[in-house]
Amino acid sequence: MLSRRLGALFAQVKESTGIVGLDVVPNARQVLIGLYNQTLSAVQVIPQEAVYRQNVEALTRHRLAVCEEEEDPERIESRVQCGQVEELIEQAQDELELIPKMAEWKPWEVPEGHKIEIDETFGDTPSQVPDHRS
Protein backbone atom coordinates (compact mmCIF):
# COMPACT_ATOMS: atom_id res chain seq x y z
CA MET A 1 0.00 0.00 0.00
CA LEU A 2 2.77 2.42 0.93
CA SER A 3 4.71 1.62 -2.24
CA ARG A 4 1.60 2.38 -4.31
CA ARG A 5 1.23 5.78 -2.59
CA LEU A 6 4.90 6.57 -3.10
CA GLY A 7 4.69 5.46 -6.72
CA ALA A 8 1.73 7.77 -7.32
CA LEU A 9 3.55 10.61 -5.59
CA PHE A 10 6.68 10.20 -7.68
CA ALA A 11 4.61 9.90 -10.85
CA GLN A 12 3.21 13.39 -10.18
CA VAL A 13 6.60 15.11 -9.80
CA LYS A 14 7.38 17.06 -12.94
CA GLU A 15 10.85 17.14 -14.39
CA SER A 16 10.85 20.68 -15.78
CA THR A 17 8.80 23.86 -15.64
CA GLY A 18 9.57 24.52 -19.28
CA ILE A 19 10.69 28.02 -18.28
CA VAL A 20 14.39 28.81 -18.55
CA GLY A 21 15.84 29.57 -15.13
CA LEU A 22 12.79 28.40 -13.20
CA ASP A 23 13.50 25.15 -11.42
CA VAL A 24 10.88 22.64 -10.30
CA VAL A 25 9.96 22.96 -6.63
CA PRO A 26 8.89 19.47 -5.47
CA ASN A 27 7.29 20.77 -2.26
CA ALA A 28 5.72 23.84 -3.89
CA ARG A 29 2.43 23.55 -2.01
CA GLN A 30 4.17 23.68 1.38
CA VAL A 31 6.40 26.55 0.21
CA LEU A 32 3.35 28.51 -0.99
CA ILE A 33 1.47 27.96 2.27
CA GLY A 34 4.48 29.28 4.18
CA LEU A 35 4.91 32.29 1.89
CA TYR A 36 1.22 33.16 2.02
CA ASN A 37 1.22 33.02 5.82
CA GLN A 38 4.34 35.23 5.89
CA THR A 39 2.62 37.70 3.53
CA LEU A 40 -0.49 37.92 5.71
CA SER A 41 1.73 38.63 8.69
CA ALA A 42 4.01 41.11 6.88
CA VAL A 43 1.17 43.17 5.41
CA GLN A 44 -0.05 44.06 8.93
CA VAL A 45 2.35 47.04 8.89
CA ILE A 46 0.18 48.66 6.19
CA PRO A 47 -2.87 50.61 7.44
CA GLN A 48 -6.08 48.57 7.34
CA GLU A 49 -7.87 51.17 5.23
CA ALA A 50 -5.16 51.13 2.52
CA VAL A 51 -6.53 49.55 -0.64
CA TYR A 52 -3.11 47.96 -1.24
CA ARG A 53 -3.37 46.01 2.01
CA GLN A 54 -6.97 45.02 1.32
CA ASN A 55 -6.04 43.68 -2.12
CA VAL A 56 -2.95 41.84 -0.87
CA GLU A 57 -4.94 40.23 1.93
CA ALA A 58 -7.80 39.19 -0.36
CA LEU A 59 -5.53 37.72 -3.02
CA THR A 60 -3.31 35.99 -0.47
CA ARG A 61 -6.20 34.53 1.52
CA HIS A 62 -7.75 33.18 -1.68
CA ARG A 63 -4.51 31.55 -2.81
CA LEU A 64 -3.80 30.20 0.69
CA ALA A 65 -7.27 28.64 0.82
CA VAL A 66 -6.69 26.97 -2.56
CA CYS A 67 -3.36 25.58 -1.38
CA GLU A 68 -4.91 24.28 1.82
CA GLU A 69 -7.79 22.66 -0.06
CA GLU A 70 -5.76 21.11 -2.88
CA GLU A 71 -2.76 18.81 -2.58
CA ASP A 72 -2.14 18.38 -6.30
CA PRO A 73 0.02 21.21 -7.74
CA GLU A 74 -1.83 20.98 -11.06
CA ARG A 75 -5.16 21.59 -9.29
CA ILE A 76 -3.64 24.59 -7.50
CA GLU A 77 -2.45 25.98 -10.84
CA SER A 78 -5.85 25.36 -12.42
CA ARG A 79 -7.78 27.10 -9.65
CA VAL A 80 -5.45 30.07 -9.21
CA GLN A 81 -5.02 30.64 -12.95
CA CYS A 82 -1.78 32.64 -12.63
CA GLY A 83 0.88 30.22 -13.82
CA GLN A 84 2.70 27.21 -12.52
CA VAL A 85 3.20 26.74 -8.79
CA GLU A 86 6.84 27.76 -9.24
CA GLU A 87 5.65 31.04 -10.75
CA LEU A 88 3.23 31.49 -7.85
CA ILE A 89 6.19 31.09 -5.51
CA GLU A 90 8.06 33.85 -7.34
CA GLN A 91 4.98 36.08 -7.21
CA ALA A 92 4.63 35.53 -3.45
CA GLN A 93 8.33 36.24 -2.88
CA ASP A 94 8.04 39.43 -4.94
CA GLU A 95 5.07 40.57 -2.85
CA LEU A 96 7.02 39.93 0.35
CA GLU A 97 9.81 42.15 -1.00
CA LEU A 98 7.34 44.86 -2.00
CA ILE A 99 5.50 45.16 1.32
CA PRO A 100 8.33 46.92 3.24
CA LYS A 101 8.87 49.28 0.31
CA MET A 102 5.17 50.15 0.22
CA ALA A 103 5.26 50.73 3.99
CA GLU A 104 8.14 53.16 3.46
CA TRP A 105 6.64 54.93 0.42
CA LYS A 106 3.09 55.18 1.87
CA PRO A 107 1.37 55.76 -1.47
CA TRP A 108 -2.02 55.79 0.28
CA GLU A 109 -1.12 59.05 2.04
CA VAL A 110 -1.78 62.36 0.30
CA PRO A 111 0.40 65.20 1.62
CA GLU A 112 -1.56 67.99 3.23
CA GLY A 113 -2.20 70.80 0.80
CA HIS A 114 -1.41 68.63 -2.20
CA LYS A 115 -3.25 69.83 -5.28
CA ILE A 116 -3.92 67.70 -8.30
CA GLU A 117 -3.62 69.47 -11.59
CA ILE A 118 -5.68 68.15 -14.46
CA ASP A 119 -4.25 68.76 -17.90
CA GLU A 120 -7.11 69.02 -20.31
CA THR A 121 -5.01 69.97 -23.28
CA PHE A 122 -4.86 67.28 -25.88
CA GLY A 123 -2.05 66.72 -28.28
CA ASP A 124 -2.37 65.19 -31.69
CA THR A 125 -4.06 61.82 -31.52
CA PRO A 126 -2.40 59.12 -33.61
CA SER A 127 -4.54 58.11 -36.59
CA GLN A 128 -5.03 54.55 -35.31
CA VAL A 129 -6.63 55.80 -32.06
CA PRO A 130 -10.33 56.68 -32.31
CA ASP A 131 -11.20 60.22 -31.30
CA HIS A 132 -14.16 60.17 -28.90
CA ARG A 133 -14.16 63.90 -28.14
CA SER A 134 -17.25 65.76 -29.26
C-alpha atoms as a PDB file:
ATOM      1  CA  MET A   1       0.000   0.000   0.000  1.00  0.00           C
ATOM      2  CA  LEU A   2       2.774   2.416   0.934  1.00  0.00           C
ATOM      3  CA  SER A   3       4.706   1.624  -2.237  1.00  0.00           C
ATOM      4  CA  ARG A   4       1.596   2.378  -4.308  1.00  0.00           C
ATOM      5  CA  ARG A   5       1.232   5.784  -2.590  1.00  0.00           C
ATOM      6  CA  LEU A   6       4.901   6.570  -3.101  1.00  0.00           C
ATOM      7  CA  GLY A   7       4.686   5.463  -6.721  1.00  0.00           C
ATOM      8  CA  ALA A   8       1.726   7.768  -7.319  1.00  0.00           C
ATOM      9  CA  LEU A   9       3.550  10.610  -5.591  1.00  0.00           C
ATOM     10  CA  PHE A  10       6.680  10.200  -7.682  1.00  0.00           C
ATOM     11  CA  ALA A  11       4.605   9.903 -10.850  1.00  0.00           C
ATOM     12  CA  GLN A  12       3.207  13.392 -10.178  1.00  0.00           C
ATOM     13  CA  VAL A  13       6.603  15.109  -9.797  1.00  0.00           C
ATOM     14  CA  LYS A  14       7.379  17.059 -12.939  1.00  0.00           C
ATOM     15  CA  GLU A  15      10.854  17.140 -14.394  1.00  0.00           C
ATOM     16  CA  SER A  16      10.845  20.682 -15.779  1.00  0.00           C
ATOM     17  CA  THR A  17       8.805  23.860 -15.638  1.00  0.00           C
ATOM     18  CA  GLY A  18       9.570  24.516 -19.283  1.00  0.00           C
ATOM     19  CA  ILE A  19      10.694  28.016 -18.279  1.00  0.00           C
ATOM     20  CA  VAL A  20      14.387  28.810 -18.552  1.00  0.00           C
ATOM     21  CA  GLY A  21      15.841  29.569 -15.125  1.00  0.00           C
ATOM     22  CA  LEU A  22      12.786  28.396 -13.200  1.00  0.00           C
ATOM     23  CA  ASP A  23      13.503  25.145 -11.421  1.00  0.00           C
ATOM     24  CA  VAL A  24      10.883  22.637 -10.303  1.00  0.00           C
ATOM     25  CA  VAL A  25       9.956  22.959  -6.626  1.00  0.00           C
ATOM     26  CA  PRO A  26       8.893  19.470  -5.468  1.00  0.00           C
ATOM     27  CA  ASN A  27       7.289  20.772  -2.255  1.00  0.00           C
ATOM     28  CA  ALA A  28       5.715  23.843  -3.891  1.00  0.00           C
ATOM     29  CA  ARG A  29       2.434  23.554  -2.006  1.00  0.00           C
ATOM     30  CA  GLN A  30       4.166  23.682   1.382  1.00  0.00           C
ATOM     31  CA  VAL A  31       6.396  26.549   0.206  1.00  0.00           C
ATOM     32  CA  LEU A  32       3.353  28.505  -0.992  1.00  0.00           C
ATOM     33  CA  ILE A  33       1.470  27.963   2.268  1.00  0.00           C
ATOM     34  CA  GLY A  34       4.479  29.282   4.184  1.00  0.00           C
ATOM     35  CA  LEU A  35       4.908  32.290   1.888  1.00  0.00           C
ATOM     36  CA  TYR A  36       1.222  33.161   2.018  1.00  0.00           C
ATOM     37  CA  ASN A  37       1.220  33.022   5.819  1.00  0.00           C
ATOM     38  CA  GLN A  38       4.337  35.234   5.885  1.00  0.00           C
ATOM     39  CA  THR A  39       2.624  37.698   3.531  1.00  0.00           C
ATOM     40  CA  LEU A  40      -0.486  37.923   5.706  1.00  0.00           C
ATOM     41  CA  SER A  41       1.730  38.632   8.687  1.00  0.00           C
ATOM     42  CA  ALA A  42       4.012  41.108   6.884  1.00  0.00           C
ATOM     43  CA  VAL A  43       1.166  43.174   5.412  1.00  0.00           C
ATOM     44  CA  GLN A  44      -0.054  44.057   8.927  1.00  0.00           C
ATOM     45  CA  VAL A  45       2.351  47.040   8.889  1.00  0.00           C
ATOM     46  CA  ILE A  46       0.180  48.657   6.195  1.00  0.00           C
ATOM     47  CA  PRO A  47      -2.870  50.608   7.442  1.00  0.00           C
ATOM     48  CA  GLN A  48      -6.075  48.571   7.339  1.00  0.00           C
ATOM     49  CA  GLU A  49      -7.868  51.172   5.230  1.00  0.00           C
ATOM     50  CA  ALA A  50      -5.162  51.132   2.524  1.00  0.00           C
ATOM     51  CA  VAL A  51      -6.528  49.546  -0.637  1.00  0.00           C
ATOM     52  CA  TYR A  52      -3.112  47.961  -1.241  1.00  0.00           C
ATOM     53  CA  ARG A  53      -3.373  46.006   2.014  1.00  0.00           C
ATOM     54  CA  GLN A  54      -6.974  45.023   1.318  1.00  0.00           C
ATOM     55  CA  ASN A  55      -6.038  43.684  -2.117  1.00  0.00           C
ATOM     56  CA  VAL A  56      -2.948  41.843  -0.873  1.00  0.00           C
ATOM     57  CA  GLU A  57      -4.940  40.225   1.926  1.00  0.00           C
ATOM     58  CA  ALA A  58      -7.804  39.193  -0.355  1.00  0.00           C
ATOM     59  CA  LEU A  59      -5.534  37.718  -3.017  1.00  0.00           C
ATOM     60  CA  THR A  60      -3.308  35.988  -0.473  1.00  0.00           C
ATOM     61  CA  ARG A  61      -6.205  34.527   1.522  1.00  0.00           C
ATOM     62  CA  HIS A  62      -7.747  33.175  -1.676  1.00  0.00           C
ATOM     63  CA  ARG A  63      -4.505  31.554  -2.806  1.00  0.00           C
ATOM     64  CA  LEU A  64      -3.798  30.204   0.688  1.00  0.00           C
ATOM     65  CA  ALA A  65      -7.265  28.637   0.820  1.00  0.00           C
ATOM     66  CA  VAL A  66      -6.694  26.975  -2.559  1.00  0.00           C
ATOM     67  CA  CYS A  67      -3.355  25.578  -1.383  1.00  0.00           C
ATOM     68  CA  GLU A  68      -4.906  24.280   1.822  1.00  0.00           C
ATOM     69  CA  GLU A  69      -7.792  22.656  -0.062  1.00  0.00           C
ATOM     70  CA  GLU A  70      -5.757  21.109  -2.876  1.00  0.00           C
ATOM     71  CA  GLU A  71      -2.763  18.813  -2.580  1.00  0.00           C
ATOM     72  CA  ASP A  72      -2.144  18.378  -6.302  1.00  0.00           C
ATOM     73  CA  PRO A  73       0.018  21.208  -7.738  1.00  0.00           C
ATOM     74  CA  GLU A  74      -1.833  20.981 -11.063  1.00  0.00           C
ATOM     75  CA  ARG A  75      -5.155  21.589  -9.287  1.00  0.00           C
ATOM     76  CA  ILE A  76      -3.640  24.591  -7.498  1.00  0.00           C
ATOM     77  CA  GLU A  77      -2.450  25.976 -10.836  1.00  0.00           C
ATOM     78  CA  SER A  78      -5.845  25.360 -12.415  1.00  0.00           C
ATOM     79  CA  ARG A  79      -7.778  27.098  -9.653  1.00  0.00           C
ATOM     80  CA  VAL A  80      -5.450  30.068  -9.207  1.00  0.00           C
ATOM     81  CA  GLN A  81      -5.018  30.638 -12.954  1.00  0.00           C
ATOM     82  CA  CYS A  82      -1.776  32.642 -12.628  1.00  0.00           C
ATOM     83  CA  GLY A  83       0.876  30.222 -13.824  1.00  0.00           C
ATOM     84  CA  GLN A  84       2.699  27.206 -12.523  1.00  0.00           C
ATOM     85  CA  VAL A  85       3.198  26.741  -8.786  1.00  0.00           C
ATOM     86  CA  GLU A  86       6.841  27.761  -9.238  1.00  0.00           C
ATOM     87  CA  GLU A  87       5.654  31.044 -10.749  1.00  0.00           C
ATOM     88  CA  LEU A  88       3.228  31.490  -7.852  1.00  0.00           C
ATOM     89  CA  ILE A  89       6.191  31.092  -5.509  1.00  0.00           C
ATOM     90  CA  GLU A  90       8.062  33.850  -7.342  1.00  0.00           C
ATOM     91  CA  GLN A  91       4.981  36.085  -7.205  1.00  0.00           C
ATOM     92  CA  ALA A  92       4.631  35.529  -3.447  1.00  0.00           C
ATOM     93  CA  GLN A  93       8.331  36.236  -2.883  1.00  0.00           C
ATOM     94  CA  ASP A  94       8.037  39.428  -4.941  1.00  0.00           C
ATOM     95  CA  GLU A  95       5.066  40.574  -2.847  1.00  0.00           C
ATOM     96  CA  LEU A  96       7.016  39.932   0.349  1.00  0.00           C
ATOM     97  CA  GLU A  97       9.815  42.145  -0.995  1.00  0.00           C
ATOM     98  CA  LEU A  98       7.345  44.862  -2.000  1.00  0.00           C
ATOM     99  CA  ILE A  99       5.502  45.156   1.321  1.00  0.00           C
ATOM    100  CA  PRO A 100       8.326  46.917   3.244  1.00  0.00           C
ATOM    101  CA  LYS A 101       8.866  49.280   0.311  1.00  0.00           C
ATOM    102  CA  MET A 102       5.170  50.148   0.225  1.00  0.00           C
ATOM    103  CA  ALA A 103       5.263  50.730   3.995  1.00  0.00           C
ATOM    104  CA  GLU A 104       8.143  53.159   3.464  1.00  0.00           C
ATOM    105  CA  TRP A 105       6.645  54.928   0.421  1.00  0.00           C
ATOM    106  CA  LYS A 106       3.087  55.180   1.871  1.00  0.00           C
ATOM    107  CA  PRO A 107       1.375  55.758  -1.472  1.00  0.00           C
ATOM    108  CA  TRP A 108      -2.015  55.794   0.280  1.00  0.00           C
ATOM    109  CA  GLU A 109      -1.125  59.047   2.037  1.00  0.00           C
ATOM    110  CA  VAL A 110      -1.782  62.362   0.305  1.00  0.00           C
ATOM    111  CA  PRO A 111       0.400  65.198   1.624  1.00  0.00           C
ATOM    112  CA  GLU A 112      -1.564  67.990   3.233  1.00  0.00           C
ATOM    113  CA  GLY A 113      -2.201  70.798   0.802  1.00  0.00           C
ATOM    114  CA  HIS A 114      -1.410  68.629  -2.205  1.00  0.00           C
ATOM    115  CA  LYS A 115      -3.247  69.833  -5.280  1.00  0.00           C
ATOM    116  CA  ILE A 116      -3.919  67.696  -8.299  1.00  0.00           C
ATOM    117  CA  GLU A 117      -3.624  69.470 -11.593  1.00  0.00           C
ATOM    118  CA  ILE A 118      -5.683  68.154 -14.457  1.00  0.00           C
ATOM    119  CA  ASP A 119      -4.248  68.759 -17.898  1.00  0.00           C
ATOM    120  CA  GLU A 120      -7.114  69.022 -20.313  1.00  0.00           C
ATOM    121  CA  THR A 121      -5.009  69.972 -23.283  1.00  0.00           C
ATOM    122  CA  PHE A 122      -4.861  67.278 -25.877  1.00  0.00           C
ATOM    123  CA  GLY A 123      -2.047  66.720 -28.275  1.00  0.00           C
ATOM    124  CA  ASP A 124      -2.366  65.190 -31.690  1.00  0.00           C
ATOM    125  CA  THR A 125      -4.065  61.824 -31.523  1.00  0.00           C
ATOM    126  CA  PRO A 126      -2.403  59.125 -33.609  1.00  0.00           C
ATOM    127  CA  SER A 127      -4.537  58.113 -36.588  1.00  0.00           C
ATOM    128  CA  GLN A 128      -5.032  54.550 -35.314  1.00  0.00           C
ATOM    129  CA  VAL A 129      -6.634  55.802 -32.065  1.00  0.00           C
ATOM    130  CA  PRO A 130     -10.329  56.681 -32.311  1.00  0.00           C
ATOM    131  CA  ASP A 131     -11.204  60.223 -31.305  1.00  0.00           C
ATOM    132  CA  HIS A 132     -14.164  60.171 -28.901  1.00  0.00           C
ATOM    133  CA  ARG A 133     -14.157  63.896 -28.136  1.00  0.00           C
ATOM    134  CA  SER A 134     -17.255  65.758 -29.264  1.00  0.00           C
END
